[in-house]
Amino acid sequence: MIPDVPIYLIRHGQTDWNAEGRFQGQHDIPLNAIGRGQASRNGALLQSLIGDRVADFAFVSSPMTRTRQTMELVRTAMGIEPSAYATNEALVELCFGDWEGRTLAELKTLFPEAMHRREADKWNFVPPGERAESYEILSWRVSGWLESVKGPTVCVTHGGVMRSVIKLCSATGAIEASETDIRQDSILSLRAGVLTWIAA
């Protein structure tokens, strides 16, 4: 399951909903000014990591607006054509169902019993609402994407997807993976089965 080629994973930059602590999920929220800056800096960092080997890498993004904006700013900072990348539906964020757009504080007030169940088993908890997913369900489609990776790859995606990669490609358990802080100002490197955060 673990690809034997290098993969660099980048979370999309900050959005206003991120800044407000709202469950974003599959709502299509654009980057804010901070997020655009994060994306450009990650592009400069990626350029320093792969340099003249850029042609060896495939570039793939979640099709959501915030990830596509991030990818295009990354590629611009690298000095390459912004729009020359693929998208893959498997990389779309976890669906939080009826909880999307709400903050943790709001959910604890409105749905205290459901929040208690989530806190007890965050990896397997499915929020209420049509199409809602758990991290476990998300990991099924992420696993399929990982199996499809055949060469060096740069991937721009979401926090939930990266938590799934961490769970699938390391000894990290479900509880730890579900609680892992996924940074927007760094790059997660997967090389030879080893996951490493790289920051400028």
N, C-alpha and C. Protein backbone atom coordinates (compact mmCIF):
# COMPACT_ATOMS: atom_id res chain seq x y z
N MET A 1 0.82 -1.20 0.00
CA MET A 1 0.00 0.00 0.00
C MET A 1 0.86 1.26 0.00
N ILE A 2 2.00 1.24 0.71
CA ILE A 2 2.84 2.43 0.77
C ILE A 2 3.61 2.58 -0.53
N PRO A 3 3.41 3.69 -1.26
CA PRO A 3 4.15 3.87 -2.52
C PRO A 3 5.65 3.87 -2.29
N ASP A 4 6.40 3.32 -3.25
CA ASP A 4 7.87 3.30 -3.12
C ASP A 4 8.50 4.44 -3.90
N VAL A 5 7.72 5.50 -4.11
CA VAL A 5 8.20 6.72 -4.79
C VAL A 5 7.97 7.90 -3.86
N PRO A 6 8.76 8.96 -3.99
CA PRO A 6 8.56 10.12 -3.11
C PRO A 6 7.25 10.84 -3.39
N ILE A 7 6.55 11.21 -2.32
CA ILE A 7 5.34 12.01 -2.42
C ILE A 7 5.47 13.20 -1.48
N TYR A 8 5.19 14.39 -1.99
CA TYR A 8 5.12 15.58 -1.16
C TYR A 8 3.65 15.99 -1.05
N LEU A 9 3.15 16.06 0.18
CA LEU A 9 1.76 16.39 0.44
C LEU A 9 1.67 17.79 1.05
N ILE A 10 0.78 18.60 0.49
CA ILE A 10 0.60 19.98 0.95
C ILE A 10 -0.87 20.20 1.27
N ARG A 11 -1.15 20.66 2.47
CA ARG A 11 -2.52 21.04 2.80
C ARG A 11 -2.80 22.41 2.19
N HIS A 12 -4.03 22.62 1.75
CA HIS A 12 -4.41 23.94 1.23
C HIS A 12 -4.15 25.01 2.28
N GLY A 13 -3.97 26.22 1.81
CA GLY A 13 -3.76 27.34 2.72
C GLY A 13 -5.02 27.69 3.49
N GLN A 14 -4.85 28.61 4.43
CA GLN A 14 -5.96 28.99 5.32
C GLN A 14 -7.13 29.61 4.55
N THR A 15 -8.33 29.32 5.04
CA THR A 15 -9.56 29.98 4.57
C THR A 15 -10.16 30.74 5.75
N ASP A 16 -11.16 31.56 5.48
CA ASP A 16 -11.83 32.25 6.58
C ASP A 16 -12.49 31.26 7.53
N TRP A 17 -13.02 30.17 7.00
CA TRP A 17 -13.64 29.16 7.87
C TRP A 17 -12.59 28.47 8.75
N ASN A 18 -11.40 28.23 8.21
CA ASN A 18 -10.32 27.71 9.06
C ASN A 18 -10.04 28.68 10.20
N ALA A 19 -9.93 29.95 9.88
CA ALA A 19 -9.61 30.96 10.88
C ALA A 19 -10.69 31.05 11.95
N GLU A 20 -11.93 30.79 11.56
CA GLU A 20 -13.06 30.86 12.50
C GLU A 20 -13.30 29.53 13.22
N GLY A 21 -12.53 28.50 12.87
CA GLY A 21 -12.69 27.20 13.51
C GLY A 21 -13.93 26.46 13.07
N ARG A 22 -14.38 26.68 11.84
CA ARG A 22 -15.59 26.01 11.35
C ARG A 22 -15.24 24.69 10.64
N PHE A 23 -16.11 23.70 10.80
CA PHE A 23 -15.98 22.46 10.06
C PHE A 23 -16.24 22.76 8.58
N GLN A 24 -15.24 22.56 7.76
CA GLN A 24 -15.31 22.98 6.37
C GLN A 24 -15.77 21.86 5.45
N GLY A 25 -15.15 20.69 5.60
CA GLY A 25 -15.57 19.53 4.83
C GLY A 25 -15.60 19.79 3.35
N GLN A 26 -16.73 19.51 2.73
CA GLN A 26 -16.85 19.63 1.28
C GLN A 26 -17.52 20.92 0.84
N HIS A 27 -17.66 21.89 1.76
CA HIS A 27 -18.08 23.23 1.34
C HIS A 27 -16.90 23.88 0.62
N ASP A 28 -17.19 24.57 -0.46
CA ASP A 28 -16.13 25.06 -1.34
C ASP A 28 -15.74 26.49 -0.96
N ILE A 29 -14.88 26.60 0.04
CA ILE A 29 -14.49 27.89 0.58
C ILE A 29 -13.12 28.30 0.02
N PRO A 30 -12.98 29.53 -0.49
CA PRO A 30 -11.69 29.95 -1.08
C PRO A 30 -10.66 30.31 -0.02
N LEU A 31 -9.41 30.42 -0.46
CA LEU A 31 -8.33 30.87 0.41
C LEU A 31 -8.53 32.33 0.82
N ASN A 32 -8.04 32.66 2.00
CA ASN A 32 -7.95 34.07 2.37
C ASN A 32 -6.53 34.56 2.12
N ALA A 33 -6.23 35.80 2.51
CA ALA A 33 -4.91 36.37 2.22
C ALA A 33 -3.80 35.58 2.89
N ILE A 34 -4.02 35.16 4.14
CA ILE A 34 -3.01 34.35 4.83
C ILE A 34 -2.77 33.05 4.09
N GLY A 35 -3.86 32.42 3.65
CA GLY A 35 -3.74 31.15 2.93
C GLY A 35 -3.00 31.28 1.63
N ARG A 36 -3.22 32.39 0.92
CA ARG A 36 -2.49 32.60 -0.34
C ARG A 36 -0.99 32.75 -0.07
N GLY A 37 -0.65 33.44 1.00
CA GLY A 37 0.76 33.57 1.37
C GLY A 37 1.38 32.23 1.75
N GLN A 38 0.64 31.42 2.50
CA GLN A 38 1.13 30.09 2.87
C GLN A 38 1.41 29.25 1.63
N ALA A 39 0.48 29.29 0.67
CA ALA A 39 0.64 28.50 -0.55
C ALA A 39 1.88 28.92 -1.33
N SER A 40 2.09 30.22 -1.46
CA SER A 40 3.26 30.70 -2.20
C SER A 40 4.56 30.31 -1.51
N ARG A 41 4.58 30.41 -0.19
CA ARG A 41 5.79 30.02 0.54
C ARG A 41 6.04 28.51 0.44
N ASN A 42 4.98 27.72 0.46
CA ASN A 42 5.16 26.27 0.26
C ASN A 42 5.68 25.97 -1.14
N GLY A 43 5.28 26.78 -2.11
CA GLY A 43 5.81 26.59 -3.46
C GLY A 43 7.30 26.87 -3.53
N ALA A 44 7.73 27.95 -2.87
CA ALA A 44 9.16 28.26 -2.83
C ALA A 44 9.94 27.15 -2.11
N LEU A 45 9.36 26.62 -1.03
CA LEU A 45 10.00 25.53 -0.30
C LEU A 45 10.09 24.27 -1.17
N LEU A 46 9.02 23.96 -1.87
CA LEU A 46 9.02 22.78 -2.75
C LEU A 46 10.06 22.93 -3.84
N GLN A 47 10.20 24.12 -4.39
CA GLN A 47 11.20 24.36 -5.41
C GLN A 47 12.60 24.06 -4.88
N SER A 48 12.83 24.44 -3.62
CA SER A 48 14.15 24.17 -3.03
C SER A 48 14.38 22.68 -2.78
N LEU A 49 13.29 21.93 -2.64
CA LEU A 49 13.40 20.50 -2.37
C LEU A 49 13.63 19.67 -3.63
N ILE A 50 12.95 20.05 -4.72
CA ILE A 50 13.06 19.20 -5.92
C ILE A 50 13.80 19.87 -7.08
N GLY A 51 13.92 21.19 -7.05
CA GLY A 51 14.75 21.90 -8.01
C GLY A 51 14.56 21.48 -9.45
N ASP A 52 15.66 21.07 -10.10
CA ASP A 52 15.58 20.74 -11.52
C ASP A 52 14.98 19.36 -11.79
N ARG A 53 14.51 18.68 -10.74
CA ARG A 53 13.83 17.39 -10.92
C ARG A 53 12.32 17.56 -11.06
N VAL A 54 11.85 18.79 -11.19
CA VAL A 54 10.41 19.04 -11.22
C VAL A 54 9.71 18.26 -12.33
N ALA A 55 10.37 18.07 -13.47
CA ALA A 55 9.75 17.35 -14.58
C ALA A 55 9.51 15.87 -14.26
N ASP A 56 10.17 15.37 -13.23
CA ASP A 56 9.97 13.97 -12.83
C ASP A 56 8.70 13.76 -12.03
N PHE A 57 8.10 14.86 -11.57
CA PHE A 57 6.97 14.77 -10.64
C PHE A 57 5.64 15.00 -11.34
N ALA A 58 4.66 14.17 -10.97
CA ALA A 58 3.27 14.44 -11.31
C ALA A 58 2.70 15.39 -10.25
N PHE A 59 1.80 16.27 -10.66
CA PHE A 59 1.15 17.21 -9.73
C PHE A 59 -0.34 16.92 -9.75
N VAL A 60 -0.93 16.68 -8.58
CA VAL A 60 -2.34 16.34 -8.50
C VAL A 60 -2.97 17.04 -7.31
N SER A 61 -4.20 17.48 -7.49
CA SER A 61 -4.91 18.24 -6.46
C SER A 61 -6.32 17.71 -6.27
N SER A 62 -6.84 17.89 -5.07
CA SER A 62 -8.29 17.81 -4.88
C SER A 62 -8.93 18.84 -5.82
N PRO A 63 -10.11 18.55 -6.34
CA PRO A 63 -10.74 19.51 -7.26
C PRO A 63 -11.40 20.70 -6.59
N MET A 64 -11.34 20.81 -5.28
CA MET A 64 -12.02 21.92 -4.60
C MET A 64 -11.27 23.24 -4.82
N THR A 65 -11.99 24.34 -4.70
CA THR A 65 -11.42 25.66 -5.00
C THR A 65 -10.18 25.95 -4.16
N ARG A 66 -10.23 25.70 -2.86
CA ARG A 66 -9.11 26.07 -1.99
C ARG A 66 -7.85 25.26 -2.29
N THR A 67 -8.01 24.01 -2.74
CA THR A 67 -6.84 23.21 -3.09
C THR A 67 -6.31 23.60 -4.47
N ARG A 68 -7.20 23.89 -5.39
CA ARG A 68 -6.74 24.31 -6.72
C ARG A 68 -6.04 25.67 -6.64
N GLN A 69 -6.58 26.58 -5.85
CA GLN A 69 -5.90 27.87 -5.67
C GLN A 69 -4.51 27.64 -5.08
N THR A 70 -4.43 26.77 -4.09
CA THR A 70 -3.14 26.48 -3.47
C THR A 70 -2.17 25.90 -4.49
N MET A 71 -2.61 24.91 -5.24
CA MET A 71 -1.75 24.28 -6.24
C MET A 71 -1.24 25.31 -7.24
N GLU A 72 -2.10 26.19 -7.70
CA GLU A 72 -1.69 27.16 -8.72
C GLU A 72 -0.71 28.18 -8.14
N LEU A 73 -0.87 28.54 -6.87
CA LEU A 73 0.10 29.44 -6.24
C LEU A 73 1.43 28.72 -5.99
N VAL A 74 1.37 27.44 -5.62
CA VAL A 74 2.59 26.64 -5.45
C VAL A 74 3.35 26.59 -6.76
N ARG A 75 2.67 26.27 -7.84
CA ARG A 75 3.34 26.14 -9.14
C ARG A 75 3.86 27.49 -9.64
N THR A 76 3.11 28.55 -9.38
CA THR A 76 3.57 29.88 -9.77
C THR A 76 4.87 30.22 -9.05
N ALA A 77 4.92 29.92 -7.74
CA ALA A 77 6.13 30.20 -6.96
C ALA A 77 7.31 29.35 -7.44
N MET A 78 7.00 28.20 -8.05
CA MET A 78 8.06 27.34 -8.58
C MET A 78 8.51 27.76 -9.98
N GLY A 79 7.80 28.71 -10.56
CA GLY A 79 8.15 29.18 -11.90
C GLY A 79 7.70 28.26 -13.01
N ILE A 80 6.62 27.48 -12.74
CA ILE A 80 6.09 26.57 -13.77
C ILE A 80 4.63 26.91 -14.05
N GLU A 81 4.13 26.44 -15.17
CA GLU A 81 2.77 26.74 -15.62
C GLU A 81 1.76 26.43 -14.52
N PRO A 82 0.99 27.42 -14.05
CA PRO A 82 0.10 27.22 -12.90
C PRO A 82 -0.98 26.15 -13.11
N SER A 83 -1.50 26.05 -14.33
CA SER A 83 -2.68 25.20 -14.55
C SER A 83 -2.34 23.79 -15.02
N ALA A 84 -1.07 23.44 -15.14
CA ALA A 84 -0.69 22.14 -15.71
C ALA A 84 -0.61 21.07 -14.62
N TYR A 85 -1.77 20.69 -14.09
CA TYR A 85 -1.82 19.65 -13.07
C TYR A 85 -3.15 18.90 -13.21
N ALA A 86 -3.22 17.74 -12.59
CA ALA A 86 -4.43 16.92 -12.62
C ALA A 86 -5.22 17.11 -11.33
N THR A 87 -6.49 16.71 -11.35
CA THR A 87 -7.29 16.65 -10.13
C THR A 87 -7.80 15.23 -9.95
N ASN A 88 -8.12 14.89 -8.70
CA ASN A 88 -8.62 13.55 -8.40
C ASN A 88 -9.67 13.64 -7.30
N GLU A 89 -10.87 13.14 -7.57
CA GLU A 89 -11.98 13.21 -6.62
C GLU A 89 -11.67 12.48 -5.32
N ALA A 90 -10.79 11.49 -5.35
CA ALA A 90 -10.45 10.74 -4.13
C ALA A 90 -9.79 11.63 -3.09
N LEU A 91 -9.26 12.78 -3.52
CA LEU A 91 -8.54 13.68 -2.63
C LEU A 91 -9.41 14.75 -1.99
N VAL A 92 -10.72 14.69 -2.24
CA VAL A 92 -11.65 15.65 -1.64
C VAL A 92 -11.72 15.41 -0.13
N GLU A 93 -11.96 16.48 0.61
CA GLU A 93 -12.00 16.40 2.07
C GLU A 93 -13.14 15.50 2.56
N LEU A 94 -12.96 15.01 3.77
CA LEU A 94 -14.00 14.32 4.52
C LEU A 94 -15.28 15.14 4.52
N CYS A 95 -16.43 14.48 4.32
CA CYS A 95 -17.72 15.16 4.39
C CYS A 95 -18.22 15.12 5.83
N PHE A 96 -18.46 16.29 6.41
CA PHE A 96 -18.96 16.39 7.78
C PHE A 96 -20.48 16.51 7.84
N GLY A 97 -21.17 16.28 6.72
CA GLY A 97 -22.62 16.26 6.71
C GLY A 97 -23.24 17.54 7.23
N ASP A 98 -24.19 17.40 8.15
CA ASP A 98 -24.93 18.55 8.67
C ASP A 98 -24.08 19.47 9.54
N TRP A 99 -22.88 19.03 9.89
CA TRP A 99 -22.05 19.83 10.77
C TRP A 99 -21.20 20.85 10.04
N GLU A 100 -21.17 20.80 8.73
CA GLU A 100 -20.33 21.74 7.98
C GLU A 100 -20.81 23.18 8.19
N GLY A 101 -19.86 24.05 8.43
CA GLY A 101 -20.16 25.45 8.68
C GLY A 101 -20.29 25.80 10.15
N ARG A 102 -20.31 24.79 11.02
CA ARG A 102 -20.44 25.03 12.46
C ARG A 102 -19.09 24.94 13.16
N THR A 103 -18.97 25.61 14.29
CA THR A 103 -17.76 25.53 15.11
C THR A 103 -17.92 24.42 16.15
N LEU A 104 -16.79 24.03 16.74
CA LEU A 104 -16.84 23.02 17.81
C LEU A 104 -17.72 23.49 18.97
N ALA A 105 -17.61 24.76 19.33
CA ALA A 105 -18.42 25.29 20.43
C ALA A 105 -19.91 25.17 20.13
N GLU A 106 -20.30 25.49 18.90
CA GLU A 106 -21.70 25.37 18.51
C GLU A 106 -22.17 23.91 18.57
N LEU A 107 -21.33 23.00 18.08
CA LEU A 107 -21.70 21.59 18.06
C LEU A 107 -21.83 21.02 19.46
N LYS A 108 -20.96 21.44 20.38
CA LYS A 108 -21.04 20.95 21.76
C LYS A 108 -22.32 21.41 22.43
N THR A 109 -22.82 22.57 22.02
CA THR A 109 -24.08 23.08 22.57
C THR A 109 -25.28 22.40 21.93
N LEU A 110 -25.24 22.23 20.61
CA LEU A 110 -26.38 21.70 19.87
C LEU A 110 -26.48 20.18 19.91
N PHE A 111 -25.32 19.50 19.90
CA PHE A 111 -25.30 18.04 19.80
C PHE A 111 -24.36 17.43 20.85
N PRO A 112 -24.63 17.65 22.14
CA PRO A 112 -23.68 17.18 23.16
C PRO A 112 -23.48 15.67 23.16
N GLU A 113 -24.53 14.88 22.96
CA GLU A 113 -24.38 13.43 22.98
C GLU A 113 -23.55 12.95 21.78
N ALA A 114 -23.82 13.50 20.60
CA ALA A 114 -23.06 13.12 19.41
C ALA A 114 -21.60 13.53 19.56
N MET A 115 -21.35 14.69 20.13
CA MET A 115 -19.97 15.13 20.32
C MET A 115 -19.24 14.22 21.31
N HIS A 116 -19.95 13.74 22.31
CA HIS A 116 -19.34 12.80 23.25
C HIS A 116 -18.94 11.51 22.52
N ARG A 117 -19.80 11.02 21.65
CA ARG A 117 -19.47 9.82 20.88
C ARG A 117 -18.28 10.08 19.97
N ARG A 118 -18.23 11.26 19.37
CA ARG A 118 -17.10 11.59 18.50
C ARG A 118 -15.79 11.63 19.28
N GLU A 119 -15.82 12.23 20.45
CA GLU A 119 -14.61 12.32 21.26
C GLU A 119 -14.13 10.94 21.72
N ALA A 120 -15.07 10.00 21.87
CA ALA A 120 -14.73 8.65 22.32
C ALA A 120 -14.10 7.82 21.20
N ASP A 121 -14.43 8.12 19.95
CA ASP A 121 -13.91 7.34 18.82
C ASP A 121 -13.94 8.20 17.56
N LYS A 122 -13.05 9.20 17.53
CA LYS A 122 -13.07 10.19 16.45
C LYS A 122 -12.83 9.57 15.08
N TRP A 123 -11.99 8.53 15.00
CA TRP A 123 -11.65 7.94 13.70
C TRP A 123 -12.87 7.30 13.04
N ASN A 124 -13.73 6.68 13.81
CA ASN A 124 -14.86 5.93 13.25
C ASN A 124 -16.20 6.67 13.33
N PHE A 125 -16.21 7.83 13.94
CA PHE A 125 -17.47 8.57 14.10
C PHE A 125 -17.96 9.14 12.77
N VAL A 126 -19.25 8.94 12.48
CA VAL A 126 -19.88 9.51 11.29
C VAL A 126 -20.84 10.60 11.73
N PRO A 127 -20.63 11.85 11.33
CA PRO A 127 -21.56 12.92 11.71
C PRO A 127 -22.93 12.70 11.09
N PRO A 128 -23.95 13.36 11.61
CA PRO A 128 -25.27 13.24 11.00
C PRO A 128 -25.31 13.91 9.63
N GLY A 129 -26.16 13.41 8.76
CA GLY A 129 -26.35 14.06 7.47
C GLY A 129 -26.02 13.18 6.29
N GLU A 130 -26.65 13.47 5.19
CA GLU A 130 -26.44 12.72 3.95
C GLU A 130 -24.99 12.85 3.48
N ARG A 131 -24.40 11.74 3.08
CA ARG A 131 -23.04 11.64 2.53
C ARG A 131 -21.95 11.85 3.57
N ALA A 132 -22.30 12.03 4.84
CA ALA A 132 -21.28 12.23 5.88
C ALA A 132 -20.37 11.01 5.96
N GLU A 133 -19.11 11.25 6.31
CA GLU A 133 -18.10 10.19 6.37
C GLU A 133 -17.37 10.21 7.70
N SER A 134 -16.81 9.08 8.05
CA SER A 134 -15.83 9.00 9.13
C SER A 134 -14.44 9.07 8.51
N TYR A 135 -13.42 9.22 9.36
CA TYR A 135 -12.05 9.14 8.85
C TYR A 135 -11.78 7.75 8.26
N GLU A 136 -12.37 6.73 8.86
CA GLU A 136 -12.18 5.37 8.34
C GLU A 136 -12.73 5.26 6.92
N ILE A 137 -13.94 5.79 6.69
CA ILE A 137 -14.52 5.75 5.34
C ILE A 137 -13.66 6.55 4.37
N LEU A 138 -13.22 7.73 4.79
CA LEU A 138 -12.33 8.55 3.95
C LEU A 138 -11.08 7.77 3.58
N SER A 139 -10.53 7.03 4.53
CA SER A 139 -9.28 6.31 4.28
C SER A 139 -9.41 5.26 3.19
N TRP A 140 -10.63 4.77 2.95
CA TRP A 140 -10.83 3.77 1.89
C TRP A 140 -10.52 4.39 0.52
N ARG A 141 -11.02 5.62 0.29
CA ARG A 141 -10.74 6.21 -1.03
C ARG A 141 -9.30 6.73 -1.10
N VAL A 142 -8.76 7.17 0.03
CA VAL A 142 -7.36 7.60 0.04
C VAL A 142 -6.44 6.42 -0.25
N SER A 143 -6.76 5.26 0.29
CA SER A 143 -5.98 4.05 0.03
C SER A 143 -5.97 3.72 -1.46
N GLY A 144 -7.12 3.85 -2.11
CA GLY A 144 -7.18 3.61 -3.55
C GLY A 144 -6.32 4.58 -4.32
N TRP A 145 -6.29 5.86 -3.87
CA TRP A 145 -5.42 6.83 -4.56
C TRP A 145 -3.96 6.46 -4.36
N LEU A 146 -3.57 6.12 -3.15
CA LEU A 146 -2.17 5.75 -2.89
C LEU A 146 -1.74 4.59 -3.77
N GLU A 147 -2.61 3.62 -3.94
CA GLU A 147 -2.27 2.47 -4.78
C GLU A 147 -2.10 2.84 -6.25
N SER A 148 -2.71 3.97 -6.65
CA SER A 148 -2.61 4.41 -8.05
C SER A 148 -1.36 5.22 -8.34
N VAL A 149 -0.64 5.65 -7.29
CA VAL A 149 0.54 6.50 -7.48
C VAL A 149 1.70 5.64 -7.99
N LYS A 150 2.21 5.98 -9.16
CA LYS A 150 3.26 5.18 -9.80
C LYS A 150 4.61 5.89 -9.91
N GLY A 151 4.63 7.19 -9.68
CA GLY A 151 5.88 7.92 -9.80
C GLY A 151 5.93 9.06 -8.80
N PRO A 152 7.04 9.79 -8.72
CA PRO A 152 7.16 10.93 -7.80
C PRO A 152 5.99 11.90 -7.98
N THR A 153 5.41 12.33 -6.87
CA THR A 153 4.15 13.08 -6.93
C THR A 153 4.13 14.22 -5.93
N VAL A 154 3.56 15.34 -6.35
CA VAL A 154 3.21 16.45 -5.46
C VAL A 154 1.69 16.48 -5.38
N CYS A 155 1.17 16.44 -4.17
CA CYS A 155 -0.28 16.37 -3.96
C CYS A 155 -0.72 17.53 -3.06
N VAL A 156 -1.71 18.28 -3.52
CA VAL A 156 -2.33 19.32 -2.69
C VAL A 156 -3.71 18.83 -2.30
N THR A 157 -3.95 18.75 -1.00
CA THR A 157 -5.19 18.15 -0.54
C THR A 157 -5.64 18.78 0.77
N HIS A 158 -6.27 18.00 1.65
CA HIS A 158 -6.93 18.51 2.84
C HIS A 158 -6.42 17.81 4.09
N GLY A 159 -6.75 18.38 5.24
CA GLY A 159 -6.30 17.82 6.50
C GLY A 159 -6.74 16.38 6.73
N GLY A 160 -8.01 16.08 6.45
CA GLY A 160 -8.50 14.73 6.64
C GLY A 160 -7.81 13.71 5.76
N VAL A 161 -7.57 14.08 4.52
CA VAL A 161 -6.87 13.18 3.60
C VAL A 161 -5.46 12.92 4.11
N MET A 162 -4.79 13.96 4.60
CA MET A 162 -3.42 13.77 5.09
C MET A 162 -3.40 12.94 6.37
N ARG A 163 -4.41 13.07 7.22
CA ARG A 163 -4.51 12.19 8.38
C ARG A 163 -4.66 10.73 7.93
N SER A 164 -5.42 10.52 6.89
CA SER A 164 -5.57 9.17 6.35
C SER A 164 -4.25 8.62 5.84
N VAL A 165 -3.49 9.45 5.13
CA VAL A 165 -2.17 9.02 4.65
C VAL A 165 -1.27 8.65 5.82
N ILE A 166 -1.29 9.46 6.86
CA ILE A 166 -0.46 9.19 8.04
C ILE A 166 -0.84 7.84 8.65
N LYS A 167 -2.14 7.57 8.77
CA LYS A 167 -2.59 6.29 9.34
C LYS A 167 -2.22 5.12 8.45
N LEU A 168 -2.38 5.28 7.14
CA LEU A 168 -2.16 4.19 6.19
C LEU A 168 -0.67 3.89 5.95
N CYS A 169 0.17 4.90 6.11
CA CYS A 169 1.57 4.76 5.70
C CYS A 169 2.56 4.77 6.86
N SER A 170 2.07 4.61 8.07
CA SER A 170 2.97 4.59 9.21
C SER A 170 2.36 3.73 10.31
N ALA A 171 3.05 3.64 11.41
CA ALA A 171 2.55 2.87 12.55
C ALA A 171 1.63 3.71 13.44
N THR A 172 1.28 4.89 12.99
CA THR A 172 0.41 5.77 13.76
C THR A 172 -0.97 5.14 13.91
N GLY A 173 -1.47 5.09 15.13
CA GLY A 173 -2.79 4.52 15.39
C GLY A 173 -3.91 5.47 15.02
N ALA A 174 -5.13 4.94 15.04
CA ALA A 174 -6.30 5.71 14.63
C ALA A 174 -6.52 6.94 15.50
N ILE A 175 -6.37 6.77 16.81
CA ILE A 175 -6.60 7.91 17.71
C ILE A 175 -5.60 9.02 17.45
N GLU A 176 -4.33 8.65 17.37
CA GLU A 176 -3.29 9.66 17.14
C GLU A 176 -3.45 10.32 15.78
N ALA A 177 -3.75 9.52 14.76
CA ALA A 177 -3.92 10.08 13.41
C ALA A 177 -5.07 11.06 13.36
N SER A 178 -6.17 10.73 14.03
CA SER A 178 -7.34 11.61 13.99
C SER A 178 -7.10 12.92 14.73
N GLU A 179 -6.13 12.94 15.63
CA GLU A 179 -5.83 14.15 16.41
C GLU A 179 -4.63 14.92 15.87
N THR A 180 -3.94 14.39 14.87
CA THR A 180 -2.72 15.02 14.36
C THR A 180 -3.01 16.41 13.78
N ASP A 181 -2.20 17.37 14.18
CA ASP A 181 -2.31 18.72 13.63
C ASP A 181 -1.70 18.73 12.23
N ILE A 182 -2.50 19.09 11.25
CA ILE A 182 -2.02 19.14 9.86
C ILE A 182 -1.76 20.59 9.51
N ARG A 183 -0.50 20.92 9.38
CA ARG A 183 -0.09 22.30 9.21
C ARG A 183 -0.33 22.80 7.78
N GLN A 184 -0.59 24.08 7.68
CA GLN A 184 -0.82 24.71 6.37
C GLN A 184 0.40 25.47 5.89
N ASP A 185 1.46 25.50 6.70
CA ASP A 185 2.66 26.26 6.34
C ASP A 185 3.87 25.36 6.17
N SER A 186 3.64 24.06 5.99
CA SER A 186 4.73 23.09 5.85
C SER A 186 4.34 22.04 4.82
N ILE A 187 5.31 21.20 4.47
CA ILE A 187 5.10 20.13 3.50
C ILE A 187 5.37 18.80 4.19
N LEU A 188 4.49 17.82 3.96
CA LEU A 188 4.67 16.48 4.51
C LEU A 188 5.30 15.59 3.44
N SER A 189 6.50 15.10 3.73
CA SER A 189 7.24 14.25 2.79
C SER A 189 7.03 12.78 3.15
N LEU A 190 6.70 11.98 2.14
CA LEU A 190 6.63 10.52 2.30
C LEU A 190 7.67 9.91 1.37
N ARG A 191 8.72 9.38 1.97
CA ARG A 191 9.83 8.79 1.21
C ARG A 191 10.24 7.49 1.88
N ALA A 192 10.22 6.41 1.09
CA ALA A 192 10.62 5.10 1.59
C ALA A 192 9.88 4.72 2.87
N GLY A 193 8.60 5.08 2.92
CA GLY A 193 7.79 4.73 4.07
C GLY A 193 8.00 5.61 5.28
N VAL A 194 8.78 6.68 5.14
CA VAL A 194 9.06 7.58 6.27
C VAL A 194 8.36 8.92 6.04
N LEU A 195 7.57 9.36 7.02
CA LEU A 195 6.86 10.62 6.94
C LEU A 195 7.63 11.69 7.71
N THR A 196 7.85 12.85 7.05
CA THR A 196 8.63 13.93 7.67
C THR A 196 7.99 15.28 7.33
N TRP A 197 7.78 16.13 8.33
CA TRP A 197 7.33 17.49 8.08
C TRP A 197 8.54 18.35 7.73
N ILE A 198 8.40 19.15 6.68
CA ILE A 198 9.47 20.05 6.23
C ILE A 198 8.92 21.47 6.23
N ALA A 199 9.61 22.37 6.90
CA ALA A 199 9.20 23.76 6.96
C ALA A 199 10.34 24.65 6.48
N ALA A 200 9.99 25.80 5.98
CA ALA A 200 11.00 26.76 5.50
C ALA A 200 11.82 27.29 6.67
